[in-house]
Amino acid sequence: MKEITIYWNTRLLNPKDVPEIKRLIRERFNMPNHTTVNGETTFNIREEDMELLREVLRNNHFDDEDE
């Protein structure tokens, strides 16, 4: 397992789509349902899911930061 932080940069997305996109990503990667006031979520991810997560984040204009 690896701890990473997601920065939910949603400015380029349609505001109506953001809650559903975040919900789907959270469900798929078992993320907690919270975000800091800075728009970040820190969680543990399995190594085998890292590449898929990066692709999903890249396609939705979110950033990840390895801890």
PDB file of N, CA and C in Angstrom:
ATOM      1  N   MET A   1       0.844  -1.185   0.000  1.00  0.00           N
ATOM      2  CA  MET A   1       0.000   0.000   0.000  1.00  0.00           C
ATOM      3  C   MET A   1       0.888   1.247   0.000  1.00  0.00           C
ATOM      4  N   LYS A   2       0.361   2.266  -0.623  1.00  0.00           N
ATOM      5  CA  LYS A   2       1.093   3.520  -0.745  1.00  0.00           C
ATOM      6  C   LYS A   2       0.148   4.661  -0.384  1.00  0.00           C
ATOM      7  N   GLU A   3       0.625   5.623   0.376  1.00  0.00           N
ATOM      8  CA  GLU A   3      -0.196   6.769   0.736  1.00  0.00           C
ATOM      9  C   GLU A   3       0.021   7.873  -0.284  1.00  0.00           C
ATOM     10  N   ILE A   4      -1.084   8.375  -0.836  1.00  0.00           N
ATOM     11  CA  ILE A   4      -1.005   9.490  -1.773  1.00  0.00           C
ATOM     12  C   ILE A   4      -2.058  10.531  -1.422  1.00  0.00           C
ATOM     13  N   THR A   5      -1.876  11.713  -1.979  1.00  0.00           N
ATOM     14  CA  THR A   5      -2.830  12.804  -1.790  1.00  0.00           C
ATOM     15  C   THR A   5      -3.348  13.226  -3.156  1.00  0.00           C
ATOM     16  N   ILE A   6      -4.655  13.316  -3.275  1.00  0.00           N
ATOM     17  CA  ILE A   6      -5.313  13.770  -4.492  1.00  0.00           C
ATOM     18  C   ILE A   6      -5.720  15.220  -4.301  1.00  0.00           C
ATOM     19  N   TYR A   7      -5.395  16.064  -5.271  1.00  0.00           N
ATOM     20  CA  TYR A   7      -5.879  17.440  -5.270  1.00  0.00           C
ATOM     21  C   TYR A   7      -7.018  17.518  -6.277  1.00  0.00           C
ATOM     22  N   TRP A   8      -8.219  17.747  -5.780  1.00  0.00           N
ATOM     23  CA  TRP A   8      -9.415  17.770  -6.624  1.00  0.00           C
ATOM     24  C   TRP A   8      -9.531  19.123  -7.311  1.00  0.00           C
ATOM     25  N   ASN A   9      -8.792  19.322  -8.375  1.00  0.00           N
ATOM     26  CA  ASN A   9      -8.837  20.550  -9.160  1.00  0.00           C
ATOM     27  C   ASN A   9      -9.978  20.407 -10.164  1.00  0.00           C
ATOM     28  N   THR A  10     -11.122  20.986  -9.863  1.00  0.00           N
ATOM     29  CA  THR A  10     -12.323  20.759 -10.666  1.00  0.00           C
ATOM     30  C   THR A  10     -12.682  21.941 -11.564  1.00  0.00           C
ATOM     31  N   ARG A  11     -11.810  22.903 -11.685  1.00  0.00           N
ATOM     32  CA  ARG A  11     -12.137  24.114 -12.456  1.00  0.00           C
ATOM     33  C   ARG A  11     -12.431  23.836 -13.925  1.00  0.00           C
ATOM     34  N   LEU A  12     -11.817  22.803 -14.495  1.00  0.00           N
ATOM     35  CA  LEU A  12     -12.012  22.513 -15.914  1.00  0.00           C
ATOM     36  C   LEU A  12     -13.208  21.605 -16.193  1.00  0.00           C
ATOM     37  N   LEU A  13     -13.884  21.172 -15.130  1.00  0.00           N
ATOM     38  CA  LEU A  13     -15.022  20.267 -15.282  1.00  0.00           C
ATOM     39  C   LEU A  13     -16.342  21.019 -15.157  1.00  0.00           C
ATOM     40  N   ASN A  14     -17.364  20.451 -15.738  1.00  0.00           N
ATOM     41  CA  ASN A  14     -18.705  20.992 -15.573  1.00  0.00           C
ATOM     42  C   ASN A  14     -19.101  20.806 -14.107  1.00  0.00           C
ATOM     43  N   PRO A  15     -19.457  21.876 -13.407  1.00  0.00           N
ATOM     44  CA  PRO A  15     -19.791  21.762 -11.974  1.00  0.00           C
ATOM     45  C   PRO A  15     -20.880  20.734 -11.676  1.00  0.00           C
ATOM     46  N   LYS A  16     -21.790  20.519 -12.611  1.00  0.00           N
ATOM     47  CA  LYS A  16     -22.849  19.529 -12.398  1.00  0.00           C
ATOM     48  C   LYS A  16     -22.304  18.110 -12.375  1.00  0.00           C
ATOM     49  N   ASP A  17     -21.179  17.874 -13.055  1.00  0.00           N
ATOM     50  CA  ASP A  17     -20.599  16.534 -13.160  1.00  0.00           C
ATOM     51  C   ASP A  17     -19.653  16.178 -12.015  1.00  0.00           C
ATOM     52  N   VAL A  18     -19.148  17.171 -11.315  1.00  0.00           N
ATOM     53  CA  VAL A  18     -18.114  16.943 -10.301  1.00  0.00           C
ATOM     54  C   VAL A  18     -18.530  15.956  -9.211  1.00  0.00           C
ATOM     55  N   PRO A  19     -19.688  16.091  -8.568  1.00  0.00           N
ATOM     56  CA  PRO A  19     -20.031  15.140  -7.498  1.00  0.00           C
ATOM     57  C   PRO A  19     -20.060  13.683  -7.979  1.00  0.00           C
ATOM     58  N   GLU A  20     -20.605  13.446  -9.158  1.00  0.00           N
ATOM     59  CA  GLU A  20     -20.687  12.081  -9.676  1.00  0.00           C
ATOM     60  C   GLU A  20     -19.308  11.539 -10.046  1.00  0.00           C
ATOM     61  N   ILE A  21     -18.465  12.360 -10.648  1.00  0.00           N
ATOM     62  CA  ILE A  21     -17.106  11.931 -11.000  1.00  0.00           C
ATOM     63  C   ILE A  21     -16.332  11.575  -9.739  1.00  0.00           C
ATOM     64  N   LYS A  22     -16.392  12.436  -8.732  1.00  0.00           N
ATOM     65  CA  LYS A  22     -15.685  12.171  -7.479  1.00  0.00           C
ATOM     66  C   LYS A  22     -16.217  10.911  -6.802  1.00  0.00           C
ATOM     67  N   ARG A  23     -17.539  10.730  -6.824  1.00  0.00           N
ATOM     68  CA  ARG A  23     -18.133   9.540  -6.193  1.00  0.00           C
ATOM     69  C   ARG A  23     -17.631   8.278  -6.868  1.00  0.00           C
ATOM     70  N   LEU A  24     -17.614   8.249  -8.195  1.00  0.00           N
ATOM     71  CA  LEU A  24     -17.164   7.063  -8.927  1.00  0.00           C
ATOM     72  C   LEU A  24     -15.690   6.759  -8.674  1.00  0.00           C
ATOM     73  N   ILE A  25     -14.862   7.794  -8.666  1.00  0.00           N
ATOM     74  CA  ILE A  25     -13.431   7.596  -8.395  1.00  0.00           C
ATOM     75  C   ILE A  25     -13.240   7.083  -6.974  1.00  0.00           C
ATOM     76  N   ARG A  26     -13.951   7.677  -6.022  1.00  0.00           N
ATOM     77  CA  ARG A  26     -13.831   7.247  -4.623  1.00  0.00           C
ATOM     78  C   ARG A  26     -14.265   5.792  -4.438  1.00  0.00           C
ATOM     79  N   GLU A  27     -15.351   5.425  -5.076  1.00  0.00           N
ATOM     80  CA  GLU A  27     -15.821   4.037  -4.957  1.00  0.00           C
ATOM     81  C   GLU A  27     -14.813   3.057  -5.550  1.00  0.00           C
ATOM     82  N   ARG A  28     -14.318   3.361  -6.743  1.00  0.00           N
ATOM     83  CA  ARG A  28     -13.411   2.437  -7.435  1.00  0.00           C
ATOM     84  C   ARG A  28     -12.109   2.222  -6.662  1.00  0.00           C
ATOM     85  N   PHE A  29     -11.588   3.289  -6.042  1.00  0.00           N
ATOM     86  CA  PHE A  29     -10.294   3.199  -5.373  1.00  0.00           C
ATOM     87  C   PHE A  29     -10.402   3.214  -3.855  1.00  0.00           C
ATOM     88  N   ASN A  30     -11.609   3.024  -3.338  1.00  0.00           N
ATOM     89  CA  ASN A  30     -11.838   2.908  -1.897  1.00  0.00           C
ATOM     90  C   ASN A  30     -11.264   4.104  -1.127  1.00  0.00           C
ATOM     91  N   MET A  31     -11.582   5.292  -1.611  1.00  0.00           N
ATOM     92  CA  MET A  31     -11.113   6.521  -0.963  1.00  0.00           C
ATOM     93  C   MET A  31     -12.114   6.959   0.101  1.00  0.00           C
ATOM     94  N   PRO A  32     -11.636   7.635   1.140  1.00  0.00           N
ATOM     95  CA  PRO A  32     -12.560   8.181   2.131  1.00  0.00           C
ATOM     96  C   PRO A  32     -13.396   9.294   1.505  1.00  0.00           C
ATOM     97  N   ASN A  33     -14.546   9.525   2.063  1.00  0.00           N
ATOM     98  CA  ASN A  33     -15.464  10.524   1.528  1.00  0.00           C
ATOM     99  C   ASN A  33     -15.277  11.869   2.227  1.00  0.00           C
ATOM    100  N   HIS A  34     -14.064  12.367   2.210  1.00  0.00           N
ATOM    101  CA  HIS A  34     -13.808  13.692   2.779  1.00  0.00           C
ATOM    102  C   HIS A  34     -12.758  14.412   1.936  1.00  0.00           C
ATOM    103  N   THR A  35     -12.792  15.711   2.002  1.00  0.00           N
ATOM    104  CA  THR A  35     -11.843  16.570   1.308  1.00  0.00           C
ATOM    105  C   THR A  35     -11.474  17.691   2.263  1.00  0.00           C
ATOM    106  N   THR A  36     -10.194  18.054   2.308  1.00  0.00           N
ATOM    107  CA  THR A  36      -9.769  19.159   3.172  1.00  0.00           C
ATOM    108  C   THR A  36     -10.252  20.482   2.601  1.00  0.00           C
ATOM    109  N   VAL A  37     -10.098  21.546   3.376  1.00  0.00           N
ATOM    110  CA  VAL A  37     -10.473  22.871   2.887  1.00  0.00           C
ATOM    111  C   VAL A  37      -9.611  23.280   1.696  1.00  0.00           C
ATOM    112  N   ASN A  38      -8.466  22.628   1.523  1.00  0.00           N
ATOM    113  CA  ASN A  38      -7.586  22.907   0.385  1.00  0.00           C
ATOM    114  C   ASN A  38      -7.913  22.037  -0.823  1.00  0.00           C
ATOM    115  N   GLY A  39      -8.961  21.229  -0.740  1.00  0.00           N
ATOM    116  CA  GLY A  39      -9.372  20.399  -1.867  1.00  0.00           C
ATOM    117  C   GLY A  39      -8.578  19.126  -2.019  1.00  0.00           C
ATOM    118  N   GLU A  40      -8.032  18.592  -0.925  1.00  0.00           N
ATOM    119  CA  GLU A  40      -7.193  17.393  -0.982  1.00  0.00           C
ATOM    120  C   GLU A  40      -7.823  16.224  -0.234  1.00  0.00           C
ATOM    121  N   THR A  41      -7.512  15.025  -0.714  1.00  0.00           N
ATOM    122  CA  THR A  41      -7.893  13.793  -0.036  1.00  0.00           C
ATOM    123  C   THR A  41      -6.665  12.905   0.026  1.00  0.00           C
ATOM    124  N   THR A  42      -6.293  12.481   1.231  1.00  0.00           N
ATOM    125  CA  THR A  42      -5.162  11.579   1.420  1.00  0.00           C
ATOM    126  C   THR A  42      -5.708  10.195   1.736  1.00  0.00           C
ATOM    127  N   PHE A  43      -5.122   9.170   1.102  1.00  0.00           N
ATOM    128  CA  PHE A  43      -5.591   7.801   1.312  1.00  0.00           C
ATOM    129  C   PHE A  43      -4.514   6.815   0.895  1.00  0.00           C
ATOM    130  N   ASN A  44      -4.721   5.562   1.251  1.00  0.00           N
ATOM    131  CA  ASN A  44      -3.807   4.483   0.871  1.00  0.00           C
ATOM    132  C   ASN A  44      -4.360   3.765  -0.350  1.00  0.00           C
ATOM    133  N   ILE A  45      -3.465   3.446  -1.268  1.00  0.00           N
ATOM    134  CA  ILE A  45      -3.861   2.765  -2.493  1.00  0.00           C
ATOM    135  C   ILE A  45      -2.938   1.574  -2.724  1.00  0.00           C
ATOM    136  N   ARG A  46      -3.500   0.536  -3.296  1.00  0.00           N
ATOM    137  CA  ARG A  46      -2.693  -0.640  -3.628  1.00  0.00           C
ATOM    138  C   ARG A  46      -1.785  -0.301  -4.809  1.00  0.00           C
ATOM    139  N   GLU A  47      -0.587  -0.834  -4.799  1.00  0.00           N
ATOM    140  CA  GLU A  47       0.380  -0.577  -5.870  1.00  0.00           C
ATOM    141  C   GLU A  47      -0.192  -0.930  -7.236  1.00  0.00           C
ATOM    142  N   GLU A  48      -0.939  -2.028  -7.317  1.00  0.00           N
ATOM    143  CA  GLU A  48      -1.473  -2.473  -8.611  1.00  0.00           C
ATOM    144  C   GLU A  48      -2.554  -1.538  -9.164  1.00  0.00           C
ATOM    145  N   ASP A  49      -3.094  -0.644  -8.336  1.00  0.00           N
ATOM    146  CA  ASP A  49      -4.116   0.305  -8.795  1.00  0.00           C
ATOM    147  C   ASP A  49      -3.540   1.674  -9.170  1.00  0.00           C
ATOM    148  N   MET A  50      -2.264   1.890  -8.904  1.00  0.00           N
ATOM    149  CA  MET A  50      -1.666   3.213  -9.116  1.00  0.00           C
ATOM    150  C   MET A  50      -1.747   3.683 -10.563  1.00  0.00           C
ATOM    151  N   GLU A  51      -1.393   2.837 -11.514  1.00  0.00           N
ATOM    152  CA  GLU A  51      -1.377   3.262 -12.915  1.00  0.00           C
ATOM    153  C   GLU A  51      -2.778   3.633 -13.394  1.00  0.00           C
ATOM    154  N   LEU A  52      -3.769   2.832 -13.038  1.00  0.00           N
ATOM    155  CA  LEU A  52      -5.147   3.136 -13.425  1.00  0.00           C
ATOM    156  C   LEU A  52      -5.610   4.440 -12.781  1.00  0.00           C
ATOM    157  N   LEU A  53      -5.288   4.640 -11.514  1.00  0.00           N
ATOM    158  CA  LEU A  53      -5.666   5.874 -10.836  1.00  0.00           C
ATOM    159  C   LEU A  53      -5.043   7.079 -11.535  1.00  0.00           C
ATOM    160  N   ARG A  54      -3.783   7.005 -11.867  1.00  0.00           N
ATOM    161  CA  ARG A  54      -3.131   8.136 -12.546  1.00  0.00           C
ATOM    162  C   ARG A  54      -3.802   8.437 -13.880  1.00  0.00           C
ATOM    163  N   GLU A  55      -4.171   7.412 -14.606  1.00  0.00           N
ATOM    164  CA  GLU A  55      -4.854   7.612 -15.886  1.00  0.00           C
ATOM    165  C   GLU A  55      -6.215   8.280 -15.679  1.00  0.00           C
ATOM    166  N   VAL A  56      -6.971   7.798 -14.701  1.00  0.00           N
ATOM    167  CA  VAL A  56      -8.288   8.374 -14.400  1.00  0.00           C
ATOM    168  C   VAL A  56      -8.137   9.836 -13.992  1.00  0.00           C
ATOM    169  N   LEU A  57      -7.175  10.122 -13.132  1.00  0.00           N
ATOM    170  CA  LEU A  57      -6.975  11.496 -12.672  1.00  0.00           C
ATOM    171  C   LEU A  57      -6.547  12.400 -13.816  1.00  0.00           C
ATOM    172  N   ARG A  58      -5.647  11.907 -14.636  1.00  0.00           N
ATOM    173  CA  ARG A  58      -5.166  12.690 -15.781  1.00  0.00           C
ATOM    174  C   ARG A  58      -6.323  13.006 -16.744  1.00  0.00           C
ATOM    175  N   ASN A  59      -7.174  12.031 -16.998  1.00  0.00           N
ATOM    176  CA  ASN A  59      -8.300  12.235 -17.909  1.00  0.00           C
ATOM    177  C   ASN A  59      -9.345  13.193 -17.353  1.00  0.00           C
ATOM    178  N   ASN A  60      -9.384  13.342 -16.033  1.00  0.00           N
ATOM    179  CA  ASN A  60     -10.351  14.240 -15.395  1.00  0.00           C
ATOM    180  C   ASN A  60      -9.704  15.505 -14.855  1.00  0.00           C
ATOM    181  N   HIS A  61      -8.443  15.750 -15.202  1.00  0.00           N
ATOM    182  CA  HIS A  61      -7.724  16.985 -14.840  1.00  0.00           C
ATOM    183  C   HIS A  61      -7.509  17.149 -13.341  1.00  0.00           C
ATOM    184  N   PHE A  62      -7.315  16.036 -12.631  1.00  0.00           N
ATOM    185  CA  PHE A  62      -6.978  16.100 -11.216  1.00  0.00           C
ATOM    186  C   PHE A  62      -5.485  15.839 -11.083  1.00  0.00           C
ATOM    187  N   ASP A  63      -4.923  16.196  -9.944  1.00  0.00           N
ATOM    188  CA  ASP A  63      -3.503  15.993  -9.684  1.00  0.00           C
ATOM    189  C   ASP A  63      -3.322  15.010  -8.550  1.00  0.00           C
ATOM    190  N   ASP A  64      -2.225  14.234  -8.610  1.00  0.00           N
ATOM    191  CA  ASP A  64      -1.872  13.374  -7.487  1.00  0.00           C
ATOM    192  C   ASP A  64      -0.469  13.702  -7.053  1.00  0.00           C
ATOM    193  N   GLU A  65      -0.211  13.465  -5.788  1.00  0.00           N
ATOM    194  CA  GLU A  65       1.087  13.764  -5.214  1.00  0.00           C
ATOM    195  C   GLU A  65       1.485  12.576  -4.351  1.00  0.00           C
ATOM    196  N   ASP A  66       2.563  11.904  -4.716  1.00  0.00           N
ATOM    197  CA  ASP A  66       3.045  10.799  -3.904  1.00  0.00           C
ATOM    198  C   ASP A  66       3.538  11.311  -2.571  1.00  0.00           C
ATOM    199  N   GLU A  67       3.206  10.595  -1.531  1.00  0.00           N
ATOM    200  CA  GLU A  67       3.663  10.972  -0.185  1.00  0.00           C
ATOM    201  C   GLU A  67       4.944  10.240   0.138  1.00  0.00           C
TER     202      GLU A  67
END
